N, C-alpha and C. Protein backbone atom coordinates (compact mmCIF):
# COMPACT_ATOMS: atom_id res chain seq x y z
N MET A 1 15.81 -7.40 -6.53
CA MET A 1 15.51 -6.07 -7.13
C MET A 1 15.83 -5.03 -6.07
N ASP A 2 16.52 -4.02 -6.48
CA ASP A 2 16.83 -2.92 -5.53
C ASP A 2 15.72 -1.91 -5.55
N LEU A 3 15.75 -0.97 -4.59
CA LEU A 3 14.66 -0.01 -4.44
C LEU A 3 14.49 0.90 -5.68
N ALA A 4 15.62 1.24 -6.34
CA ALA A 4 15.55 2.07 -7.53
C ALA A 4 14.79 1.35 -8.68
N GLN A 5 15.04 0.10 -8.79
CA GLN A 5 14.34 -0.71 -9.85
C GLN A 5 12.90 -0.87 -9.45
N ALA A 6 12.55 -1.09 -8.16
CA ALA A 6 11.22 -1.19 -7.72
C ALA A 6 10.45 0.05 -7.98
N ASN A 7 11.06 1.22 -7.73
CA ASN A 7 10.39 2.48 -8.01
C ASN A 7 10.08 2.63 -9.52
N LYS A 8 10.98 2.20 -10.34
CA LYS A 8 10.76 2.25 -11.74
C LYS A 8 9.61 1.26 -12.18
N VAL A 9 9.65 0.05 -11.63
CA VAL A 9 8.62 -0.94 -11.94
C VAL A 9 7.22 -0.49 -11.52
N LEU A 10 7.16 0.14 -10.36
CA LEU A 10 5.86 0.55 -9.78
C LEU A 10 5.51 1.99 -10.03
N LYS A 11 6.25 2.60 -10.91
CA LYS A 11 6.02 4.04 -11.18
C LYS A 11 4.64 4.40 -11.68
N HIS A 12 4.02 3.54 -12.51
CA HIS A 12 2.75 3.82 -13.09
C HIS A 12 1.55 3.16 -12.40
N ILE A 13 1.76 2.59 -11.22
CA ILE A 13 0.69 2.01 -10.53
C ILE A 13 -0.19 3.03 -9.94
N ASP A 14 -1.53 2.83 -10.02
CA ASP A 14 -2.53 3.71 -9.41
C ASP A 14 -2.72 3.27 -7.96
N TRP A 15 -2.00 3.91 -7.06
CA TRP A 15 -2.05 3.50 -5.65
C TRP A 15 -3.40 3.66 -5.04
N ASP A 16 -4.17 4.68 -5.48
CA ASP A 16 -5.51 4.91 -4.98
C ASP A 16 -6.42 3.72 -5.31
N ASP A 17 -6.31 3.19 -6.51
CA ASP A 17 -7.09 2.06 -6.92
C ASP A 17 -6.63 0.77 -6.14
N LEU A 18 -5.32 0.67 -5.99
CA LEU A 18 -4.81 -0.52 -5.31
C LEU A 18 -5.22 -0.49 -3.78
N LEU A 19 -5.27 0.70 -3.24
CA LEU A 19 -5.70 0.80 -1.86
C LEU A 19 -7.04 0.15 -1.60
N VAL A 20 -7.99 0.27 -2.52
CA VAL A 20 -9.31 -0.25 -2.25
C VAL A 20 -9.53 -1.68 -2.79
N GLU A 21 -8.53 -2.17 -3.49
CA GLU A 21 -8.58 -3.55 -3.92
C GLU A 21 -8.51 -4.53 -2.73
N GLU A 22 -9.08 -5.71 -2.87
CA GLU A 22 -8.97 -6.73 -1.83
C GLU A 22 -7.55 -7.19 -1.67
N ASP A 23 -7.14 -7.53 -0.43
CA ASP A 23 -5.83 -8.21 -0.25
C ASP A 23 -5.83 -9.47 -1.04
N GLY A 24 -4.69 -9.75 -1.69
CA GLY A 24 -4.61 -10.88 -2.57
C GLY A 24 -4.86 -10.58 -4.07
N ALA A 25 -5.26 -9.32 -4.33
CA ALA A 25 -5.44 -8.92 -5.69
C ALA A 25 -4.10 -9.00 -6.49
N VAL A 26 -4.17 -9.61 -7.71
CA VAL A 26 -2.92 -9.77 -8.48
C VAL A 26 -3.02 -8.83 -9.66
N PHE A 27 -1.83 -8.24 -9.96
CA PHE A 27 -1.76 -7.36 -11.09
C PHE A 27 -0.34 -7.56 -11.71
N ALA A 28 -0.18 -7.07 -12.95
CA ALA A 28 1.09 -7.29 -13.69
C ALA A 28 1.97 -6.06 -13.60
N VAL A 29 3.24 -6.27 -13.50
CA VAL A 29 4.26 -5.21 -13.65
C VAL A 29 5.29 -5.71 -14.66
N VAL A 30 6.03 -4.78 -15.26
CA VAL A 30 7.01 -5.18 -16.25
C VAL A 30 8.41 -4.98 -15.67
N ILE A 31 9.14 -6.10 -15.63
CA ILE A 31 10.53 -6.08 -15.15
C ILE A 31 11.45 -6.55 -16.29
N ASP A 32 12.35 -5.67 -16.64
CA ASP A 32 13.27 -6.01 -17.81
C ASP A 32 12.56 -6.44 -19.01
N GLY A 33 11.44 -5.79 -19.32
CA GLY A 33 10.73 -6.12 -20.53
C GLY A 33 9.80 -7.33 -20.48
N GLU A 34 9.69 -7.94 -19.26
CA GLU A 34 8.91 -9.15 -19.09
C GLU A 34 7.78 -8.89 -18.09
N ALA A 35 6.54 -9.36 -18.40
CA ALA A 35 5.45 -9.18 -17.45
C ALA A 35 5.65 -10.17 -16.29
N VAL A 36 5.47 -9.61 -15.04
CA VAL A 36 5.65 -10.38 -13.85
C VAL A 36 4.41 -10.08 -12.97
N LEU A 37 3.90 -11.13 -12.30
CA LEU A 37 2.74 -10.91 -11.44
C LEU A 37 3.19 -10.33 -10.07
N ALA A 38 2.43 -9.42 -9.59
CA ALA A 38 2.61 -8.84 -8.30
C ALA A 38 1.29 -9.02 -7.51
N THR A 39 1.37 -8.96 -6.19
CA THR A 39 0.19 -9.16 -5.39
C THR A 39 0.06 -8.05 -4.36
N LYS A 40 -1.13 -7.51 -4.21
CA LYS A 40 -1.38 -6.56 -3.09
C LYS A 40 -1.63 -7.48 -1.84
N VAL A 41 -0.78 -7.30 -0.82
CA VAL A 41 -0.89 -8.20 0.32
C VAL A 41 -1.55 -7.53 1.52
N HIS A 42 -1.51 -6.16 1.55
CA HIS A 42 -2.02 -5.51 2.74
C HIS A 42 -2.25 -4.00 2.46
N SER A 43 -3.22 -3.50 3.14
CA SER A 43 -3.39 -1.98 3.09
C SER A 43 -4.00 -1.53 4.45
N GLU A 44 -3.79 -0.30 4.76
CA GLU A 44 -4.31 0.30 5.98
C GLU A 44 -4.83 1.71 5.73
N GLU A 45 -5.91 2.02 6.39
CA GLU A 45 -6.44 3.43 6.37
C GLU A 45 -6.77 3.79 7.80
N LYS A 46 -6.12 4.81 8.36
CA LYS A 46 -6.36 5.21 9.70
C LYS A 46 -6.79 6.69 9.68
N GLU A 47 -7.96 6.98 10.22
CA GLU A 47 -8.45 8.34 10.25
C GLU A 47 -8.27 8.99 11.64
N ASP A 48 -7.89 10.22 11.66
CA ASP A 48 -7.68 10.91 12.93
C ASP A 48 -8.93 11.79 13.26
N ALA A 49 -8.84 12.47 14.33
CA ALA A 49 -9.96 13.35 14.83
C ALA A 49 -10.33 14.46 13.89
N GLU A 50 -9.39 14.93 13.01
CA GLU A 50 -9.72 15.98 12.04
C GLU A 50 -10.15 15.42 10.71
N ASN A 51 -10.49 14.13 10.60
CA ASN A 51 -10.86 13.46 9.41
C ASN A 51 -9.78 13.34 8.38
N ASP A 52 -8.50 13.60 8.78
CA ASP A 52 -7.39 13.34 7.94
C ASP A 52 -7.10 11.85 8.09
N ARG A 53 -6.44 11.29 7.15
CA ARG A 53 -6.14 9.84 7.25
C ARG A 53 -4.73 9.52 6.68
N SER A 54 -4.16 8.50 7.30
CA SER A 54 -2.92 7.94 6.76
C SER A 54 -3.25 6.65 6.10
N VAL A 55 -2.56 6.36 4.98
CA VAL A 55 -2.87 5.23 4.21
C VAL A 55 -1.50 4.48 3.91
N CYS A 56 -1.60 3.20 3.60
CA CYS A 56 -0.42 2.43 3.25
C CYS A 56 -0.86 1.25 2.46
N VAL A 57 -0.08 0.86 1.44
CA VAL A 57 -0.34 -0.32 0.64
C VAL A 57 0.99 -1.11 0.59
N VAL A 58 0.90 -2.44 0.76
CA VAL A 58 2.04 -3.28 0.70
C VAL A 58 1.85 -4.27 -0.45
N VAL A 59 2.79 -4.35 -1.33
CA VAL A 59 2.75 -5.28 -2.51
C VAL A 59 3.89 -6.27 -2.44
N LEU A 60 3.69 -7.43 -3.02
CA LEU A 60 4.71 -8.45 -3.08
C LEU A 60 5.07 -8.68 -4.57
N ILE A 61 6.34 -8.56 -4.83
CA ILE A 61 6.85 -8.85 -6.19
C ILE A 61 7.98 -9.90 -5.98
N GLY A 62 7.75 -11.04 -6.50
CA GLY A 62 8.71 -12.18 -6.27
C GLY A 62 8.62 -12.51 -4.82
N ASN A 63 9.77 -12.38 -4.13
CA ASN A 63 9.80 -12.65 -2.70
C ASN A 63 10.11 -11.38 -1.92
N GLN A 64 9.88 -10.20 -2.51
CA GLN A 64 10.18 -8.92 -1.86
C GLN A 64 8.87 -8.14 -1.65
N HIS A 65 8.78 -7.50 -0.47
CA HIS A 65 7.63 -6.69 -0.14
C HIS A 65 8.04 -5.20 -0.23
N PHE A 66 7.12 -4.44 -0.81
CA PHE A 66 7.33 -2.99 -0.88
C PHE A 66 6.11 -2.29 -0.35
N ARG A 67 6.37 -1.17 0.41
CA ARG A 67 5.24 -0.40 1.01
C ARG A 67 5.27 1.01 0.48
N LYS A 68 4.09 1.51 0.19
CA LYS A 68 3.89 2.89 -0.22
C LYS A 68 2.97 3.48 0.80
N GLU A 69 3.43 4.65 1.39
CA GLU A 69 2.60 5.31 2.38
C GLU A 69 2.11 6.68 1.87
N GLY A 70 1.01 7.13 2.40
CA GLY A 70 0.53 8.44 1.97
C GLY A 70 -0.48 8.95 3.01
N TRP A 71 -1.11 10.05 2.63
CA TRP A 71 -2.10 10.69 3.50
C TRP A 71 -3.16 11.37 2.67
N GLY A 72 -4.34 11.58 3.23
CA GLY A 72 -5.42 12.30 2.62
C GLY A 72 -5.93 13.34 3.61
N GLY A 73 -6.11 14.54 3.18
CA GLY A 73 -6.57 15.62 4.02
C GLY A 73 -7.99 15.83 4.01
N VAL A 74 -8.49 16.61 4.97
CA VAL A 74 -9.92 16.92 5.12
C VAL A 74 -10.45 17.66 3.90
N GLY A 75 -9.66 18.41 3.19
CA GLY A 75 -10.13 19.13 2.06
C GLY A 75 -10.68 18.23 0.95
N SER A 76 -10.04 17.15 0.71
CA SER A 76 -10.52 16.16 -0.29
C SER A 76 -11.78 15.49 0.21
N HIS A 77 -11.90 15.34 1.50
CA HIS A 77 -13.06 14.64 2.10
C HIS A 77 -14.38 15.38 1.83
N CYS A 78 -14.28 16.68 1.76
CA CYS A 78 -15.49 17.50 1.54
C CYS A 78 -16.18 17.15 0.20
N TYR A 79 -15.42 16.62 -0.73
CA TYR A 79 -15.95 16.36 -2.03
C TYR A 79 -16.18 14.87 -2.26
N GLY A 80 -16.23 14.10 -1.24
CA GLY A 80 -16.45 12.67 -1.37
C GLY A 80 -15.21 11.88 -0.96
N ASP A 81 -14.73 11.03 -1.86
CA ASP A 81 -13.62 10.14 -1.62
C ASP A 81 -12.34 10.95 -1.44
N TYR A 82 -11.49 10.45 -0.59
CA TYR A 82 -10.18 11.02 -0.45
C TYR A 82 -9.29 10.72 -1.62
N GLU A 83 -8.44 11.64 -1.96
CA GLU A 83 -7.37 11.36 -2.90
C GLU A 83 -6.10 11.48 -2.14
N ALA A 84 -5.41 10.34 -2.02
CA ALA A 84 -4.25 10.31 -1.20
C ALA A 84 -3.07 10.97 -1.91
N VAL A 85 -2.19 11.62 -1.13
CA VAL A 85 -0.91 12.06 -1.60
C VAL A 85 0.08 11.03 -1.17
N TRP A 86 0.76 10.41 -2.13
CA TRP A 86 1.58 9.28 -1.89
C TRP A 86 3.04 9.69 -1.70
N GLY A 87 3.74 9.09 -0.70
CA GLY A 87 5.09 9.34 -0.41
C GLY A 87 6.03 8.38 -1.04
N ALA A 88 7.18 8.15 -0.46
CA ALA A 88 8.21 7.31 -1.03
C ALA A 88 7.87 5.84 -0.87
N LEU A 89 8.45 5.04 -1.76
CA LEU A 89 8.38 3.59 -1.67
C LEU A 89 9.48 3.03 -0.83
N THR A 90 9.17 2.09 0.03
CA THR A 90 10.22 1.51 0.89
C THR A 90 10.14 0.00 0.74
N GLU A 91 11.25 -0.68 0.93
CA GLU A 91 11.24 -2.17 1.01
C GLU A 91 11.00 -2.53 2.44
N VAL A 92 10.16 -3.53 2.65
CA VAL A 92 9.83 -3.97 4.04
C VAL A 92 9.91 -5.48 4.05
N THR A 93 9.94 -6.00 5.27
CA THR A 93 9.84 -7.47 5.49
C THR A 93 8.66 -7.74 6.36
N SER A 94 8.16 -8.91 6.22
CA SER A 94 6.98 -9.33 7.03
C SER A 94 7.52 -9.96 8.33
N THR A 95 6.84 -9.67 9.40
CA THR A 95 7.17 -10.26 10.70
C THR A 95 5.84 -10.73 11.35
N GLN A 96 5.81 -11.91 11.83
CA GLN A 96 4.65 -12.43 12.53
C GLN A 96 4.84 -12.14 14.01
N LYS A 97 3.82 -11.63 14.66
CA LYS A 97 3.82 -11.34 16.12
C LYS A 97 2.64 -11.94 16.77
N THR A 98 2.82 -12.39 18.00
CA THR A 98 1.71 -12.84 18.78
C THR A 98 1.13 -11.66 19.58
N ILE A 99 -0.21 -11.48 19.47
CA ILE A 99 -0.84 -10.41 20.18
C ILE A 99 -1.79 -10.98 21.19
N THR A 100 -1.66 -10.59 22.44
CA THR A 100 -2.56 -11.05 23.48
C THR A 100 -3.65 -9.99 23.75
N VAL A 101 -4.90 -10.45 23.66
CA VAL A 101 -6.00 -9.59 23.88
C VAL A 101 -6.76 -10.07 25.18
N TYR A 102 -7.09 -9.20 26.11
CA TYR A 102 -7.78 -9.57 27.29
C TYR A 102 -9.25 -9.12 27.17
N GLU A 103 -10.11 -10.12 27.32
CA GLU A 103 -11.50 -9.84 27.16
C GLU A 103 -12.26 -10.10 28.49
N THR A 104 -13.33 -9.41 28.67
CA THR A 104 -14.14 -9.54 29.94
C THR A 104 -14.73 -10.94 29.97
N VAL A 105 -14.66 -11.52 31.16
CA VAL A 105 -15.19 -12.89 31.39
C VAL A 105 -16.65 -12.84 31.59
């Protein structure tokens, strides 16, 4: 599936709801008139010093990963939950990396 088709398939997804779903949550999308299962595989929420935050959700459709990034400003925080403003969808690949952490003995 190319990015244009992925945008069409994921056009009506509620990214705010998907952001708070557990990793591994399964949902249906329609591709060429057929229901296909998709999986939320990852999400991130990072807050900065001004209480703004950047958010991202990664979904898996077939063997392709797609990421949607967005942000939420301090203005929405004053009224409770953030409402993210979502940006463009991108296709991504997964990469495993070894991370070394040094702890006090």
